[in-house]
N, C-alpha and C. Protein backbone atom coordinates (compact mmCIF):
# COMPACT_ATOMS: atom_id res chain seq x y z
N MET A 1 1.70 -20.64 1.24
CA MET A 1 2.48 -21.80 1.57
C MET A 1 3.17 -22.36 0.33
N PHE A 2 2.44 -22.44 -0.78
CA PHE A 2 3.04 -23.00 -1.99
C PHE A 2 4.20 -22.18 -2.53
N PRO A 3 4.12 -20.83 -2.53
CA PRO A 3 5.28 -20.07 -2.99
C PRO A 3 6.53 -20.35 -2.13
N ALA A 4 6.33 -20.46 -0.81
CA ALA A 4 7.47 -20.75 0.07
C ALA A 4 8.03 -22.14 -0.21
N LEU A 5 7.16 -23.09 -0.45
CA LEU A 5 7.59 -24.45 -0.78
C LEU A 5 8.35 -24.47 -2.10
N LYS A 6 7.85 -23.74 -3.09
CA LYS A 6 8.53 -23.66 -4.38
C LYS A 6 9.93 -23.07 -4.23
N ARG A 7 10.05 -22.01 -3.43
CA ARG A 7 11.37 -21.40 -3.21
C ARG A 7 12.31 -22.39 -2.53
N PHE A 8 11.80 -23.11 -1.55
CA PHE A 8 12.61 -24.09 -0.85
C PHE A 8 13.08 -25.19 -1.80
N LEU A 9 12.17 -25.75 -2.59
CA LEU A 9 12.53 -26.80 -3.53
C LEU A 9 13.53 -26.31 -4.57
N LYS A 10 13.34 -25.09 -5.04
CA LYS A 10 14.28 -24.51 -6.01
C LYS A 10 15.67 -24.42 -5.41
N SER A 11 15.75 -23.99 -4.16
CA SER A 11 17.06 -23.85 -3.53
C SER A 11 17.71 -25.21 -3.29
N VAL A 12 16.92 -26.24 -2.96
CA VAL A 12 17.46 -27.58 -2.72
C VAL A 12 17.91 -28.22 -4.03
N VAL A 13 17.07 -28.13 -5.08
CA VAL A 13 17.35 -28.79 -6.35
C VAL A 13 18.47 -28.09 -7.12
N THR A 14 18.40 -26.77 -7.21
CA THR A 14 19.36 -26.06 -8.05
C THR A 14 20.52 -25.45 -7.25
N GLY A 15 20.36 -25.39 -5.94
CA GLY A 15 21.39 -24.76 -5.13
C GLY A 15 21.33 -23.25 -5.18
N GLU A 16 20.33 -22.71 -5.88
CA GLU A 16 20.18 -21.27 -6.00
C GLU A 16 19.23 -20.77 -4.92
N ALA A 17 19.65 -19.72 -4.27
CA ALA A 17 18.74 -19.07 -3.32
C ALA A 17 17.95 -18.03 -4.10
N ASP A 18 16.69 -17.90 -3.77
CA ASP A 18 15.87 -16.86 -4.40
C ASP A 18 16.35 -15.52 -3.87
N GLU A 19 16.77 -14.64 -4.75
CA GLU A 19 17.35 -13.37 -4.36
C GLU A 19 16.32 -12.36 -3.88
N ARG A 20 15.05 -12.61 -4.14
CA ARG A 20 14.03 -11.64 -3.74
C ARG A 20 13.83 -11.68 -2.24
N THR A 21 13.78 -10.52 -1.65
CA THR A 21 13.53 -10.40 -0.22
C THR A 21 12.03 -10.51 0.06
N PHE A 22 11.22 -10.04 -0.89
CA PHE A 22 9.78 -9.96 -0.68
C PHE A 22 9.07 -10.95 -1.60
N ALA A 23 8.49 -11.98 -1.01
CA ALA A 23 7.79 -13.01 -1.78
C ALA A 23 6.46 -12.46 -2.30
N GLU A 24 5.94 -13.14 -3.30
CA GLU A 24 4.68 -12.73 -3.92
C GLU A 24 3.54 -12.62 -2.90
N ASP A 25 3.56 -13.45 -1.86
CA ASP A 25 2.47 -13.46 -0.88
C ASP A 25 2.83 -12.67 0.39
N ASP A 26 3.88 -11.88 0.35
CA ASP A 26 4.30 -11.06 1.48
C ASP A 26 3.36 -9.86 1.59
N HIS A 27 2.75 -9.70 2.76
CA HIS A 27 1.80 -8.60 2.92
C HIS A 27 2.46 -7.24 2.72
N ARG A 28 3.76 -7.14 2.99
CA ARG A 28 4.45 -5.87 2.78
C ARG A 28 4.49 -5.51 1.30
N LEU A 29 4.66 -6.50 0.43
CA LEU A 29 4.67 -6.26 -1.00
C LEU A 29 3.28 -5.84 -1.48
N ALA A 30 2.25 -6.52 -0.99
CA ALA A 30 0.88 -6.16 -1.37
C ALA A 30 0.54 -4.74 -0.91
N ALA A 31 0.92 -4.40 0.32
CA ALA A 31 0.66 -3.06 0.83
C ALA A 31 1.44 -2.02 0.02
N ALA A 32 2.70 -2.32 -0.26
CA ALA A 32 3.53 -1.38 -1.02
C ALA A 32 2.97 -1.17 -2.42
N ALA A 33 2.45 -2.22 -3.04
CA ALA A 33 1.86 -2.07 -4.38
C ALA A 33 0.64 -1.14 -4.32
N LEU A 34 -0.17 -1.25 -3.28
CA LEU A 34 -1.30 -0.33 -3.12
C LEU A 34 -0.81 1.10 -2.91
N LEU A 35 0.27 1.25 -2.17
CA LEU A 35 0.81 2.58 -1.92
C LEU A 35 1.40 3.19 -3.19
N VAL A 36 2.09 2.37 -3.97
CA VAL A 36 2.61 2.84 -5.26
C VAL A 36 1.44 3.25 -6.15
N HIS A 37 0.38 2.46 -6.13
CA HIS A 37 -0.80 2.76 -6.96
C HIS A 37 -1.44 4.08 -6.53
N ILE A 38 -1.57 4.30 -5.23
CA ILE A 38 -2.28 5.49 -4.76
C ILE A 38 -1.52 6.77 -5.09
N ILE A 39 -0.19 6.73 -5.09
CA ILE A 39 0.53 7.98 -5.42
C ILE A 39 0.50 8.27 -6.91
N ALA A 40 0.21 7.27 -7.72
CA ALA A 40 0.21 7.47 -9.18
C ALA A 40 -1.19 7.64 -9.76
N VAL A 41 -2.23 7.36 -8.98
CA VAL A 41 -3.58 7.31 -9.53
C VAL A 41 -4.07 8.66 -10.06
N ASP A 42 -3.52 9.76 -9.54
CA ASP A 42 -3.94 11.07 -10.04
C ASP A 42 -3.14 11.52 -11.26
N GLY A 43 -2.22 10.67 -11.73
CA GLY A 43 -1.46 10.96 -12.94
C GLY A 43 -0.18 11.75 -12.71
N VAL A 44 0.07 12.17 -11.48
CA VAL A 44 1.27 12.95 -11.17
C VAL A 44 1.92 12.36 -9.92
N VAL A 45 3.20 12.01 -10.05
CA VAL A 45 3.97 11.54 -8.89
C VAL A 45 5.11 12.53 -8.69
N ASP A 46 5.02 13.30 -7.61
CA ASP A 46 6.07 14.30 -7.37
C ASP A 46 7.06 13.80 -6.32
N ASP A 47 8.09 14.58 -6.11
CA ASP A 47 9.15 14.18 -5.18
C ASP A 47 8.64 14.00 -3.76
N SER A 48 7.70 14.84 -3.34
CA SER A 48 7.17 14.73 -1.97
C SER A 48 6.46 13.40 -1.79
N GLU A 49 5.77 12.94 -2.82
CA GLU A 49 5.09 11.64 -2.73
C GLU A 49 6.09 10.49 -2.73
N ARG A 50 7.12 10.58 -3.55
CA ARG A 50 8.16 9.53 -3.58
C ARG A 50 8.86 9.43 -2.23
N GLU A 51 9.21 10.59 -1.68
CA GLU A 51 9.88 10.61 -0.37
C GLU A 51 8.95 10.07 0.72
N ALA A 52 7.69 10.46 0.67
CA ALA A 52 6.73 9.98 1.66
C ALA A 52 6.54 8.47 1.55
N LEU A 53 6.50 7.96 0.32
CA LEU A 53 6.37 6.51 0.11
C LEU A 53 7.54 5.78 0.76
N SER A 54 8.75 6.23 0.50
CA SER A 54 9.93 5.60 1.10
C SER A 54 9.88 5.65 2.62
N GLU A 55 9.55 6.81 3.14
CA GLU A 55 9.53 6.99 4.59
C GLU A 55 8.44 6.13 5.25
N VAL A 56 7.26 6.13 4.68
CA VAL A 56 6.15 5.35 5.24
C VAL A 56 6.51 3.86 5.28
N LEU A 57 7.06 3.34 4.19
CA LEU A 57 7.43 1.92 4.15
C LEU A 57 8.59 1.62 5.10
N ARG A 58 9.60 2.47 5.09
CA ARG A 58 10.77 2.25 5.94
C ARG A 58 10.38 2.22 7.41
N VAL A 59 9.60 3.20 7.83
CA VAL A 59 9.22 3.31 9.24
C VAL A 59 8.25 2.20 9.66
N ASN A 60 7.21 1.98 8.87
CA ASN A 60 6.18 1.02 9.27
C ASN A 60 6.65 -0.42 9.21
N TYR A 61 7.60 -0.73 8.35
CA TYR A 61 8.08 -2.11 8.23
C TYR A 61 9.53 -2.26 8.70
N GLN A 62 10.08 -1.25 9.35
CA GLN A 62 11.44 -1.27 9.89
C GLN A 62 12.44 -1.82 8.87
N LEU A 63 12.50 -1.16 7.71
CA LEU A 63 13.36 -1.59 6.62
C LEU A 63 14.61 -0.73 6.52
N THR A 64 15.66 -1.33 6.00
CA THR A 64 16.86 -0.56 5.67
C THR A 64 16.57 0.23 4.40
N PRO A 65 17.37 1.24 4.11
CA PRO A 65 17.15 1.97 2.84
C PRO A 65 17.21 1.05 1.61
N ASP A 66 18.13 0.09 1.59
CA ASP A 66 18.21 -0.84 0.45
C ASP A 66 16.96 -1.72 0.35
N MET A 67 16.48 -2.21 1.49
CA MET A 67 15.27 -3.02 1.47
C MET A 67 14.07 -2.19 1.02
N THR A 68 14.03 -0.95 1.47
CA THR A 68 12.93 -0.05 1.08
C THR A 68 12.94 0.15 -0.43
N ARG A 69 14.10 0.40 -0.98
CA ARG A 69 14.23 0.59 -2.43
C ARG A 69 13.81 -0.68 -3.18
N GLU A 70 14.26 -1.83 -2.70
CA GLU A 70 13.88 -3.09 -3.33
C GLU A 70 12.37 -3.32 -3.26
N LEU A 71 11.77 -3.02 -2.11
CA LEU A 71 10.33 -3.18 -1.96
C LEU A 71 9.58 -2.27 -2.93
N ILE A 72 10.00 -1.04 -3.05
CA ILE A 72 9.33 -0.10 -3.96
C ILE A 72 9.48 -0.55 -5.41
N GLU A 73 10.66 -1.03 -5.78
CA GLU A 73 10.86 -1.53 -7.14
C GLU A 73 9.96 -2.73 -7.43
N SER A 74 9.91 -3.68 -6.50
CA SER A 74 9.05 -4.85 -6.67
C SER A 74 7.58 -4.45 -6.72
N ALA A 75 7.19 -3.55 -5.84
CA ALA A 75 5.79 -3.10 -5.78
C ALA A 75 5.41 -2.35 -7.05
N THR A 76 6.32 -1.58 -7.59
CA THR A 76 6.05 -0.84 -8.83
C THR A 76 5.83 -1.81 -9.98
N ARG A 77 6.65 -2.85 -10.06
CA ARG A 77 6.45 -3.89 -11.09
C ARG A 77 5.11 -4.59 -10.90
N ARG A 78 4.80 -4.96 -9.67
CA ARG A 78 3.54 -5.66 -9.40
C ARG A 78 2.34 -4.78 -9.75
N ASP A 79 2.40 -3.51 -9.40
CA ASP A 79 1.30 -2.60 -9.71
C ASP A 79 1.12 -2.46 -11.22
N ALA A 80 2.23 -2.38 -11.95
CA ALA A 80 2.16 -2.23 -13.41
C ALA A 80 1.57 -3.47 -14.07
N GLU A 81 1.79 -4.64 -13.47
CA GLU A 81 1.28 -5.90 -14.02
C GLU A 81 -0.17 -6.19 -13.62
N ALA A 82 -0.64 -5.53 -12.58
CA ALA A 82 -1.96 -5.83 -12.01
C ALA A 82 -3.09 -5.33 -12.90
N VAL A 83 -4.16 -6.10 -12.95
CA VAL A 83 -5.35 -5.68 -13.69
C VAL A 83 -6.39 -5.05 -12.76
N ASP A 84 -6.25 -5.30 -11.46
CA ASP A 84 -7.15 -4.72 -10.48
C ASP A 84 -6.47 -4.70 -9.12
N LEU A 85 -7.17 -4.26 -8.10
CA LEU A 85 -6.62 -4.15 -6.76
C LEU A 85 -6.88 -5.40 -5.92
N TYR A 86 -7.72 -6.29 -6.41
CA TYR A 86 -8.13 -7.46 -5.64
C TYR A 86 -6.95 -8.35 -5.26
N GLY A 87 -6.00 -8.54 -6.17
CA GLY A 87 -4.86 -9.39 -5.87
C GLY A 87 -4.09 -8.92 -4.65
N PHE A 88 -3.96 -7.62 -4.51
CA PHE A 88 -3.25 -7.06 -3.37
C PHE A 88 -4.10 -7.13 -2.10
N THR A 89 -5.36 -6.73 -2.22
CA THR A 89 -6.22 -6.71 -1.03
C THR A 89 -6.50 -8.12 -0.52
N SER A 90 -6.55 -9.10 -1.41
CA SER A 90 -6.81 -10.47 -0.95
C SER A 90 -5.65 -10.98 -0.11
N VAL A 91 -4.42 -10.65 -0.48
CA VAL A 91 -3.26 -11.03 0.34
C VAL A 91 -3.36 -10.36 1.71
N LEU A 92 -3.69 -9.08 1.72
CA LEU A 92 -3.79 -8.35 2.98
C LEU A 92 -4.92 -8.88 3.85
N LYS A 93 -6.04 -9.17 3.26
CA LYS A 93 -7.18 -9.66 4.03
C LYS A 93 -6.89 -11.04 4.61
N ARG A 94 -6.13 -11.83 3.87
CA ARG A 94 -5.80 -13.19 4.30
C ARG A 94 -4.72 -13.20 5.38
N THR A 95 -3.80 -12.23 5.34
CA THR A 95 -2.64 -12.29 6.23
C THR A 95 -2.67 -11.30 7.39
N LEU A 96 -3.50 -10.27 7.31
CA LEU A 96 -3.52 -9.26 8.37
C LEU A 96 -4.85 -9.27 9.11
N ASP A 97 -4.79 -8.96 10.40
CA ASP A 97 -6.02 -8.77 11.16
C ASP A 97 -6.56 -7.37 10.85
N LEU A 98 -7.68 -7.03 11.45
CA LEU A 98 -8.31 -5.74 11.16
C LEU A 98 -7.37 -4.57 11.45
N ASP A 99 -6.66 -4.62 12.58
CA ASP A 99 -5.74 -3.53 12.91
C ASP A 99 -4.66 -3.38 11.84
N GLY A 100 -4.15 -4.48 11.32
CA GLY A 100 -3.15 -4.43 10.27
C GLY A 100 -3.70 -3.82 8.99
N ARG A 101 -4.94 -4.20 8.64
CA ARG A 101 -5.58 -3.64 7.44
C ARG A 101 -5.87 -2.15 7.62
N LEU A 102 -6.27 -1.75 8.82
CA LEU A 102 -6.49 -0.33 9.09
C LEU A 102 -5.18 0.44 8.96
N LYS A 103 -4.07 -0.15 9.38
CA LYS A 103 -2.77 0.51 9.25
C LYS A 103 -2.42 0.73 7.78
N VAL A 104 -2.72 -0.24 6.91
CA VAL A 104 -2.46 -0.07 5.48
C VAL A 104 -3.28 1.10 4.94
N LEU A 105 -4.54 1.17 5.33
CA LEU A 105 -5.39 2.28 4.88
C LEU A 105 -4.87 3.62 5.39
N GLU A 106 -4.40 3.63 6.62
CA GLU A 106 -3.83 4.86 7.17
C GLU A 106 -2.59 5.28 6.37
N MET A 107 -1.74 4.33 6.01
CA MET A 107 -0.57 4.65 5.19
C MET A 107 -1.00 5.23 3.85
N MET A 108 -2.07 4.68 3.27
CA MET A 108 -2.57 5.21 2.00
C MET A 108 -3.00 6.66 2.16
N TRP A 109 -3.74 6.97 3.24
CA TRP A 109 -4.15 8.36 3.48
C TRP A 109 -2.93 9.26 3.66
N GLU A 110 -1.89 8.77 4.36
CA GLU A 110 -0.69 9.58 4.56
C GLU A 110 -0.08 9.97 3.21
N LEU A 111 -0.09 9.04 2.27
CA LEU A 111 0.48 9.33 0.96
C LEU A 111 -0.42 10.25 0.14
N VAL A 112 -1.72 10.11 0.30
CA VAL A 112 -2.65 11.01 -0.40
C VAL A 112 -2.40 12.44 0.05
N TYR A 113 -2.17 12.64 1.33
CA TYR A 113 -1.96 13.99 1.86
C TYR A 113 -0.53 14.49 1.68
N ALA A 114 0.38 13.65 1.19
CA ALA A 114 1.79 14.04 1.05
C ALA A 114 1.99 15.23 0.12
N ASP A 115 1.16 15.31 -0.93
CA ASP A 115 1.33 16.43 -1.87
C ASP A 115 0.39 17.59 -1.56
N GLY A 116 -0.37 17.48 -0.48
CA GLY A 116 -1.23 18.58 -0.05
C GLY A 116 -2.58 18.66 -0.75
N THR A 117 -2.83 17.74 -1.68
CA THR A 117 -4.09 17.77 -2.43
C THR A 117 -4.71 16.38 -2.44
N VAL A 118 -6.01 16.33 -2.13
CA VAL A 118 -6.74 15.07 -2.22
C VAL A 118 -7.49 15.08 -3.55
N HIS A 119 -7.06 14.22 -4.45
CA HIS A 119 -7.69 14.11 -5.76
C HIS A 119 -8.84 13.11 -5.66
N GLU A 120 -9.89 13.34 -6.43
CA GLU A 120 -11.06 12.45 -6.36
C GLU A 120 -10.69 11.00 -6.72
N PHE A 121 -9.71 10.78 -7.60
CA PHE A 121 -9.29 9.42 -7.93
C PHE A 121 -8.65 8.74 -6.72
N GLU A 122 -7.89 9.53 -5.94
CA GLU A 122 -7.27 8.97 -4.73
C GLU A 122 -8.34 8.59 -3.71
N ASP A 123 -9.28 9.49 -3.51
CA ASP A 123 -10.37 9.24 -2.57
C ASP A 123 -11.17 8.00 -2.99
N ASN A 124 -11.47 7.90 -4.27
CA ASN A 124 -12.23 6.76 -4.78
C ASN A 124 -11.45 5.46 -4.64
N THR A 125 -10.15 5.50 -4.89
CA THR A 125 -9.32 4.30 -4.76
C THR A 125 -9.28 3.82 -3.33
N ILE A 126 -9.13 4.73 -2.40
CA ILE A 126 -9.13 4.33 -0.99
C ILE A 126 -10.48 3.75 -0.59
N TRP A 127 -11.54 4.34 -1.08
CA TRP A 127 -12.88 3.80 -0.80
C TRP A 127 -12.98 2.35 -1.30
N ARG A 128 -12.51 2.11 -2.53
CA ARG A 128 -12.58 0.74 -3.09
C ARG A 128 -11.69 -0.23 -2.30
N VAL A 129 -10.50 0.20 -1.94
CA VAL A 129 -9.59 -0.65 -1.17
C VAL A 129 -10.21 -0.97 0.20
N ALA A 130 -10.78 0.04 0.84
CA ALA A 130 -11.41 -0.17 2.15
C ALA A 130 -12.53 -1.21 2.04
N GLU A 131 -13.33 -1.09 0.99
CA GLU A 131 -14.40 -2.07 0.78
C GLU A 131 -13.84 -3.49 0.62
N LEU A 132 -12.79 -3.62 -0.18
CA LEU A 132 -12.17 -4.93 -0.41
C LEU A 132 -11.51 -5.48 0.84
N LEU A 133 -11.05 -4.60 1.71
CA LEU A 133 -10.41 -5.03 2.96
C LEU A 133 -11.40 -5.26 4.09
N GLY A 134 -12.67 -4.98 3.85
CA GLY A 134 -13.67 -5.16 4.89
C GLY A 134 -13.61 -4.08 5.96
N ILE A 135 -13.22 -2.89 5.57
CA ILE A 135 -13.14 -1.76 6.50
C ILE A 135 -14.36 -0.88 6.30
N SER A 136 -15.01 -0.53 7.38
CA SER A 136 -16.25 0.24 7.32
C SER A 136 -16.00 1.67 6.85
N SER A 137 -17.04 2.28 6.32
CA SER A 137 -16.95 3.69 5.92
C SER A 137 -16.61 4.56 7.11
N ARG A 138 -17.16 4.23 8.26
CA ARG A 138 -16.88 5.00 9.49
C ARG A 138 -15.39 4.97 9.80
N ASP A 139 -14.78 3.79 9.76
CA ASP A 139 -13.35 3.67 10.04
C ASP A 139 -12.50 4.35 8.96
N ARG A 140 -12.91 4.21 7.70
CA ARG A 140 -12.18 4.85 6.60
C ARG A 140 -12.16 6.36 6.78
N LEU A 141 -13.31 6.93 7.09
CA LEU A 141 -13.40 8.39 7.25
C LEU A 141 -12.70 8.86 8.53
N ALA A 142 -12.74 8.05 9.59
CA ALA A 142 -12.03 8.41 10.82
C ALA A 142 -10.52 8.44 10.56
N LEU A 143 -10.02 7.49 9.79
CA LEU A 143 -8.59 7.50 9.44
C LEU A 143 -8.25 8.72 8.60
N ARG A 144 -9.14 9.07 7.69
CA ARG A 144 -8.91 10.25 6.85
C ARG A 144 -8.80 11.50 7.72
N ARG A 145 -9.74 11.66 8.64
CA ARG A 145 -9.72 12.84 9.52
C ARG A 145 -8.47 12.85 10.40
N LYS A 146 -8.07 11.69 10.89
CA LYS A 146 -6.86 11.59 11.72
C LYS A 146 -5.63 12.04 10.94
N VAL A 147 -5.46 11.52 9.74
CA VAL A 147 -4.30 11.87 8.93
C VAL A 147 -4.38 13.33 8.49
N ALA A 148 -5.56 13.79 8.12
CA ALA A 148 -5.73 15.18 7.69
C ALA A 148 -5.38 16.15 8.81
N ALA A 149 -5.71 15.80 10.04
CA ALA A 149 -5.40 16.66 11.17
C ALA A 149 -3.89 16.82 11.34
N HIS A 150 -3.15 15.77 11.08
CA HIS A 150 -1.69 15.84 11.18
C HIS A 150 -1.06 16.50 9.95
N ALA A 151 -1.75 16.44 8.83
CA ALA A 151 -1.21 16.98 7.58
C ALA A 151 -1.42 18.49 7.45
N GLY A 152 -2.35 19.04 8.22
CA GLY A 152 -2.63 20.47 8.12
C GLY A 152 -3.87 20.70 7.28
N PRO A 153 -4.01 21.90 6.73
CA PRO A 153 -5.21 22.24 5.96
C PRO A 153 -5.39 21.31 4.76
N ASP A 154 -6.64 20.92 4.55
CA ASP A 154 -6.91 20.06 3.39
C ASP A 154 -8.31 20.33 2.88
N ASP A 155 -8.59 19.71 1.77
CA ASP A 155 -9.92 19.79 1.18
C ASP A 155 -10.63 18.49 1.43
N THR A 156 -11.49 18.44 2.46
CA THR A 156 -12.24 17.24 2.76
C THR A 156 -13.70 17.40 2.35
N SER A 157 -13.96 18.32 1.46
CA SER A 157 -15.34 18.61 1.06
C SER A 157 -16.03 17.41 0.44
N GLY A 158 -15.30 16.51 -0.19
CA GLY A 158 -15.92 15.35 -0.83
C GLY A 158 -15.81 14.07 -0.05
N GLU A 159 -15.48 14.17 1.26
CA GLU A 159 -15.19 12.95 2.00
C GLU A 159 -16.38 12.03 2.18
N GLU A 160 -17.59 12.53 2.14
CA GLU A 160 -18.77 11.68 2.28
C GLU A 160 -19.25 11.13 0.93
N GLU A 161 -18.66 11.62 -0.15
CA GLU A 161 -19.09 11.28 -1.48
C GLU A 161 -19.18 9.78 -1.73
N ASN A 162 -18.15 9.04 -1.33
CA ASN A 162 -18.09 7.60 -1.60
C ASN A 162 -18.47 6.78 -0.38
N GLY A 163 -18.94 7.39 0.66
CA GLY A 163 -19.09 6.67 1.88
C GLY A 163 -20.43 6.30 2.28
């Protein structure tokens, strides 16, 4: 509420509209920052992951290509500034119901499988995010299996490791 009030007061006092489409407390920005983080956590971001990130955000949030690009740029900055994942997950937990939080986790799994390899850092990050979002291990693993089934062959040998 306070960020929205600050934007409103700024526009009234200075006559300037805030050019950002995605406010700091926008759940789409928090989700996108987690998605940017998950594709980079293994140290390699390839074209398939970048394309999957754009597509996942565009489709799930019904964004134009320009809005998608702006969201990814904002999310990349937010992820680079973040010291932990709590800031993002707290926004999501506060603004989304369980189904919405499960959808964010599903999007994360989709990006993990985009390059065809599940890295242990990716698996561990999703486990931590699920815990912070209040998502059970059962639901986290069910989402993994669902996405893996659509992605084709994968290495799920370590799926119980963090669960």
